[in-house]
Amino acid sequence: MTLEMDKYSGSGIGSKNEYLFGRFDMQIKLVPGNSAGTVTAYYLSSQGPHHDEIDIEFLGNLSGDPYILSTNLYANSNGGHEMQYYLWFDPTQDFHTYSIDWNPQRIIILVDNIPIRVMHNRQNIGVAFPTRQPMRLYTTLWNGDSWATRWGQVKIDWSKAPFIASFRNFNANACIPSSSNDCYGFNGGKNNGLNSETKMKRKEIHAKWNVYDYCRDFRRYARGLPYECRKTNNRKGLQDEDFE
């Protein structure tokens, strides 16, 4: 399937089912050429005023400049957990697999089955985490030129429209909640985290390709980093790879 955007409208699709925990894979080929100002998004989101959301967004750029893959987490409408990466390949030339692996203990974001980010459940220190609200899976293509490329300095070149992103091979190994199934036992309820090899690979990706980490944004958080980012909390046996 494809999503298109022109100066009149973006586009998007959503899953029929709502899910509570699981792994979601999608192969995506991004908008080629001058994609500045465009945002291609692949995410899970609940409904209602206190929504949860797990985001993968691809921020377009001028021809020859790399895309930025932006990840974020909202829990009980609390966001601001952005981490952003350059990709180590051209995501417009072929399809690549992007995955969200979510259980009650952690969320893993993967690219071609390589983990790039792990977010652990830190409710024990008062940090919200999505464990109760079912979410639908969405893909969208929309106009984000007020912020997406160089903080909004580069706008969409509408002479290049329509902008087209392509999707295939969606797979959801996920739990659909019901009155008789709260999904907490899905996949054994186990924290299937990273082994030593994948931890090392994630560290390599983070060291080489990470371009923004909210836990290191001292300008944004001049009055103090978010609670979960503080080293004292990282020493409480939480073992969150994002802080190694």
Protein backbone atom coordinates (compact mmCIF):
# COMPACT_ATOMS: atom_id res chain seq x y z
CA MET A 1 0.00 0.00 0.00
CA THR A 2 1.05 3.61 -0.38
CA LEU A 3 0.30 6.86 1.39
CA GLU A 4 0.34 10.13 -0.54
CA MET A 5 0.46 13.79 0.41
CA ASP A 6 -0.08 16.91 -1.67
CA LYS A 7 -0.72 20.50 -0.65
CA TYR A 8 -4.38 19.73 -0.01
CA SER A 9 -4.15 16.68 2.21
CA GLY A 10 -1.99 14.10 3.91
CA SER A 11 -3.16 10.53 4.45
CA GLY A 12 -3.14 7.70 6.93
CA ILE A 13 -4.52 4.31 7.88
CA GLY A 14 -5.27 2.57 11.19
CA SER A 15 -5.69 -1.02 12.29
CA LYS A 16 -9.16 -2.40 12.85
CA ASN A 17 -8.06 -4.07 16.08
CA GLU A 18 -6.87 -2.58 19.34
CA TYR A 19 -3.89 -4.33 20.93
CA LEU A 20 -2.44 -4.57 24.41
CA PHE A 21 1.18 -5.76 24.13
CA GLY A 22 2.87 -7.50 21.25
CA ARG A 23 5.36 -7.05 18.45
CA PHE A 24 4.45 -5.00 15.39
CA ASP A 25 6.53 -5.16 12.20
CA MET A 26 6.14 -3.08 9.06
CA GLN A 27 8.31 -2.80 5.98
CA ILE A 28 8.51 0.82 4.84
CA LYS A 29 10.12 2.67 1.93
CA LEU A 30 10.23 6.38 2.62
CA VAL A 31 9.53 9.43 0.43
CA PRO A 32 12.49 9.82 -1.97
CA GLY A 33 14.25 12.98 -3.11
CA ASN A 34 13.52 16.29 -1.46
CA SER A 35 11.33 15.20 1.44
CA ALA A 36 11.98 18.25 3.63
CA GLY A 37 9.05 19.08 5.89
CA THR A 38 7.33 15.72 5.47
CA VAL A 39 6.71 13.34 8.38
CA THR A 40 6.08 9.64 7.82
CA ALA A 41 4.84 8.08 11.06
CA TYR A 42 4.39 4.52 12.28
CA TYR A 43 2.98 4.32 15.78
CA LEU A 44 0.64 2.85 18.37
CA SER A 45 -1.89 5.12 20.04
CA SER A 46 -4.82 4.79 22.42
CA GLN A 47 -7.94 6.95 22.41
CA GLY A 48 -9.18 9.47 24.96
CA PRO A 49 -7.80 12.44 26.89
CA HIS A 50 -5.10 10.52 28.83
CA HIS A 51 -3.72 8.67 25.87
CA ASP A 52 -0.69 6.41 25.53
CA GLU A 53 1.45 6.40 22.40
CA ILE A 54 4.61 4.71 21.11
CA ASP A 55 6.07 6.68 18.19
CA ILE A 56 8.38 6.07 15.28
CA GLU A 57 8.54 9.13 13.02
CA PHE A 58 10.70 9.71 9.96
CA LEU A 59 11.58 13.38 9.49
CA GLY A 60 12.24 14.27 5.86
CA ASN A 61 15.16 16.32 4.62
CA LEU A 62 16.65 17.99 1.57
CA SER A 63 17.97 15.75 -1.20
CA GLY A 64 21.28 14.26 -0.17
CA ASP A 65 20.77 14.89 3.55
CA PRO A 66 19.80 11.98 5.79
CA TYR A 67 16.40 11.25 7.25
CA ILE A 68 16.05 11.41 11.02
CA LEU A 69 14.26 8.55 12.78
CA SER A 70 12.59 10.03 15.85
CA THR A 71 11.24 7.87 18.69
CA ASN A 72 9.01 9.01 21.55
CA LEU A 73 6.76 7.64 24.27
CA TYR A 74 3.56 9.07 25.75
CA ALA A 75 2.05 7.55 28.88
CA ASN A 76 -1.05 9.11 30.44
CA SER A 77 -0.49 11.99 27.96
CA ASN A 78 3.03 12.63 29.31
CA GLY A 79 5.50 12.78 26.42
CA GLY A 80 8.83 14.46 25.91
CA HIS A 81 10.92 11.28 25.78
CA GLU A 82 12.45 11.83 22.35
CA MET A 83 15.49 10.04 21.01
CA GLN A 84 16.53 10.57 17.40
CA TYR A 85 18.86 8.70 15.07
CA TYR A 86 20.37 8.88 11.63
CA LEU A 87 19.95 5.65 9.69
CA TRP A 88 22.96 3.73 8.41
CA PHE A 89 21.34 3.18 4.99
CA ASP A 90 19.22 5.08 2.48
CA PRO A 91 15.61 4.34 3.58
CA THR A 92 14.20 5.56 0.24
CA GLN A 93 15.94 3.00 -1.97
CA ASP A 94 14.37 -0.18 -0.62
CA PHE A 95 12.03 -1.51 2.04
CA HIS A 96 13.33 -1.91 5.59
CA THR A 97 11.59 -3.43 8.60
CA TYR A 98 10.70 -1.19 11.55
CA SER A 99 9.38 -2.83 14.71
CA ILE A 100 7.78 -1.96 18.05
CA ASP A 101 8.07 -4.74 20.65
CA TRP A 102 5.95 -3.91 23.71
CA ASN A 103 5.24 -5.81 26.89
CA PRO A 104 4.42 -4.74 30.47
CA GLN A 105 8.11 -4.50 31.39
CA ARG A 106 9.70 -2.75 28.42
CA ILE A 107 9.41 -1.39 24.87
CA ILE A 108 12.06 -2.11 22.24
CA ILE A 109 12.34 -0.19 18.96
CA LEU A 110 14.08 -2.16 16.20
CA VAL A 111 15.30 -1.47 12.66
CA ASP A 112 15.83 -4.57 10.52
CA ASN A 113 15.65 -6.57 13.76
CA ILE A 114 18.47 -4.50 15.30
CA PRO A 115 17.42 -2.87 18.60
CA ILE A 116 18.10 0.85 18.65
CA ARG A 117 16.20 1.83 21.80
CA VAL A 118 14.92 0.16 24.97
CA MET A 119 12.44 1.86 27.33
CA HIS A 120 11.85 0.05 30.61
CA ASN A 121 8.82 0.28 32.87
CA ARG A 122 9.85 2.66 35.66
CA GLN A 123 6.53 2.98 37.43
CA ASN A 124 8.31 2.00 40.65
CA ILE A 125 9.89 5.48 40.70
CA GLY A 126 6.74 7.29 39.56
CA VAL A 127 7.36 7.40 35.80
CA ALA A 128 4.25 6.64 33.73
CA PHE A 129 4.36 3.64 31.36
CA PRO A 130 1.70 2.26 28.97
CA THR A 131 0.28 -0.90 30.56
CA ARG A 132 -3.50 -0.47 30.70
CA GLN A 133 -4.85 1.14 27.53
CA PRO A 134 -5.23 -0.85 24.29
CA MET A 135 -3.79 0.87 21.23
CA ARG A 136 -4.37 0.82 17.49
CA LEU A 137 -1.54 0.78 14.97
CA TYR A 138 -1.37 3.78 12.60
CA THR A 139 0.71 4.90 9.64
CA THR A 140 0.43 8.49 8.43
CA LEU A 141 2.09 10.90 6.02
CA TRP A 142 1.61 14.57 6.85
CA ASN A 143 2.90 18.12 6.70
CA GLY A 144 5.30 18.82 9.57
CA ASP A 145 7.25 21.66 8.02
CA SER A 146 6.65 23.92 11.02
CA TRP A 147 9.22 21.83 12.94
CA ALA A 148 10.38 18.65 11.18
CA THR A 149 13.37 19.80 9.12
CA ARG A 150 16.02 22.00 10.72
CA TRP A 151 13.55 23.13 13.39
CA GLY A 152 11.12 24.37 10.75
CA GLN A 153 13.60 26.45 8.77
CA VAL A 154 13.15 24.32 5.64
CA LYS A 155 9.63 24.14 4.23
CA ILE A 156 7.99 21.65 1.90
CA ASP A 157 8.67 22.19 -1.80
CA TRP A 158 5.19 21.57 -3.16
CA SER A 159 6.50 21.43 -6.71
CA LYS A 160 7.76 17.95 -5.75
CA ALA A 161 4.28 16.72 -4.77
CA PRO A 162 2.75 14.22 -4.55
CA PHE A 163 4.98 12.73 -1.86
CA ILE A 164 4.63 8.95 -1.61
CA ALA A 165 5.67 6.48 1.09
CA SER A 166 5.21 2.73 0.61
CA PHE A 167 4.32 0.00 3.10
CA ARG A 168 4.13 -3.80 2.98
CA ASN A 169 4.18 -6.99 5.06
CA PHE A 170 2.58 -5.68 8.24
CA ASN A 171 2.63 -8.30 10.99
CA ALA A 172 1.20 -8.10 14.50
CA ASN A 173 2.11 -10.89 16.90
CA ALA A 174 0.00 -9.18 19.51
CA CYS A 175 -2.78 -9.60 22.06
CA ILE A 176 -6.32 -8.36 21.44
CA PRO A 177 -7.83 -7.75 24.89
CA SER A 178 -11.30 -8.93 25.87
CA SER A 179 -13.42 -9.31 28.97
CA SER A 180 -11.79 -12.69 29.56
CA ASN A 181 -8.22 -11.76 28.57
CA ASP A 182 -6.32 -8.81 30.06
CA CYS A 183 -3.23 -9.72 27.96
CA TYR A 184 -0.85 -9.54 30.92
CA GLY A 185 0.11 -13.14 30.35
CA PHE A 186 0.75 -12.62 26.64
CA ASN A 187 4.06 -14.16 25.60
CA GLY A 188 4.38 -15.52 29.11
CA GLY A 189 4.54 -11.97 30.47
CA LYS A 190 8.31 -12.32 30.29
CA ASN A 191 10.72 -9.44 29.95
CA ASN A 192 12.39 -10.76 26.83
CA GLY A 193 15.08 -8.13 26.77
CA LEU A 194 18.40 -8.01 24.96
CA ASN A 195 21.11 -10.63 25.14
CA SER A 196 24.77 -9.63 25.38
CA GLU A 197 25.19 -9.55 21.60
CA THR A 198 22.17 -7.35 20.93
CA LYS A 199 23.07 -5.08 23.86
CA MET A 200 26.47 -4.50 22.29
CA LYS A 201 24.87 -3.80 18.90
CA ARG A 202 22.46 -1.32 20.47
CA LYS A 203 25.34 0.46 22.18
CA GLU A 204 27.20 0.70 18.87
CA ILE A 205 24.13 2.15 17.11
CA HIS A 206 23.56 4.63 19.94
CA ALA A 207 27.20 5.77 19.97
CA LYS A 208 27.46 6.22 16.20
CA TRP A 209 23.98 7.23 15.03
CA ASN A 210 22.14 8.88 17.92
CA VAL A 211 21.70 12.62 17.24
CA TYR A 212 19.33 13.63 20.07
CA ASP A 213 18.71 12.26 23.56
CA TYR A 214 16.24 14.04 25.83
CA CYS A 215 18.18 12.85 28.86
CA ARG A 216 21.17 14.88 27.68
CA ASP A 217 19.31 18.03 26.70
CA PHE A 218 20.54 20.35 29.44
CA ARG A 219 19.24 23.43 27.65
CA ARG A 220 15.70 22.11 27.49
CA TYR A 221 15.87 20.91 31.09
CA ALA A 222 17.96 23.71 32.55
CA ARG A 223 16.20 23.34 35.90
CA GLY A 224 16.90 19.64 36.11
CA LEU A 225 16.65 16.54 33.97
CA PRO A 226 13.49 14.40 34.07
CA TYR A 227 13.36 12.15 37.09
CA GLU A 228 14.12 8.96 35.17
CA CYS A 229 17.22 10.51 33.59
CA ARG A 230 19.02 11.24 36.83
CA LYS A 231 21.97 9.00 37.59
CA THR A 232 20.84 8.33 41.15
CA ASN A 233 17.67 6.72 39.81
CA ASN A 234 19.62 4.74 37.24
CA ARG A 235 21.46 3.03 40.09
CA LYS A 236 18.32 1.59 41.65
CA GLY A 237 18.64 -1.70 39.81
CA LEU A 238 16.60 -0.52 36.84
CA GLN A 239 19.05 -1.71 34.17
CA ASP A 240 17.76 0.59 31.45
CA GLU A 241 20.01 0.37 28.40
CA ASP A 242 19.16 3.94 27.47
CA PHE A 243 21.33 5.12 30.34
CA GLU A 244 24.41 2.96 29.95
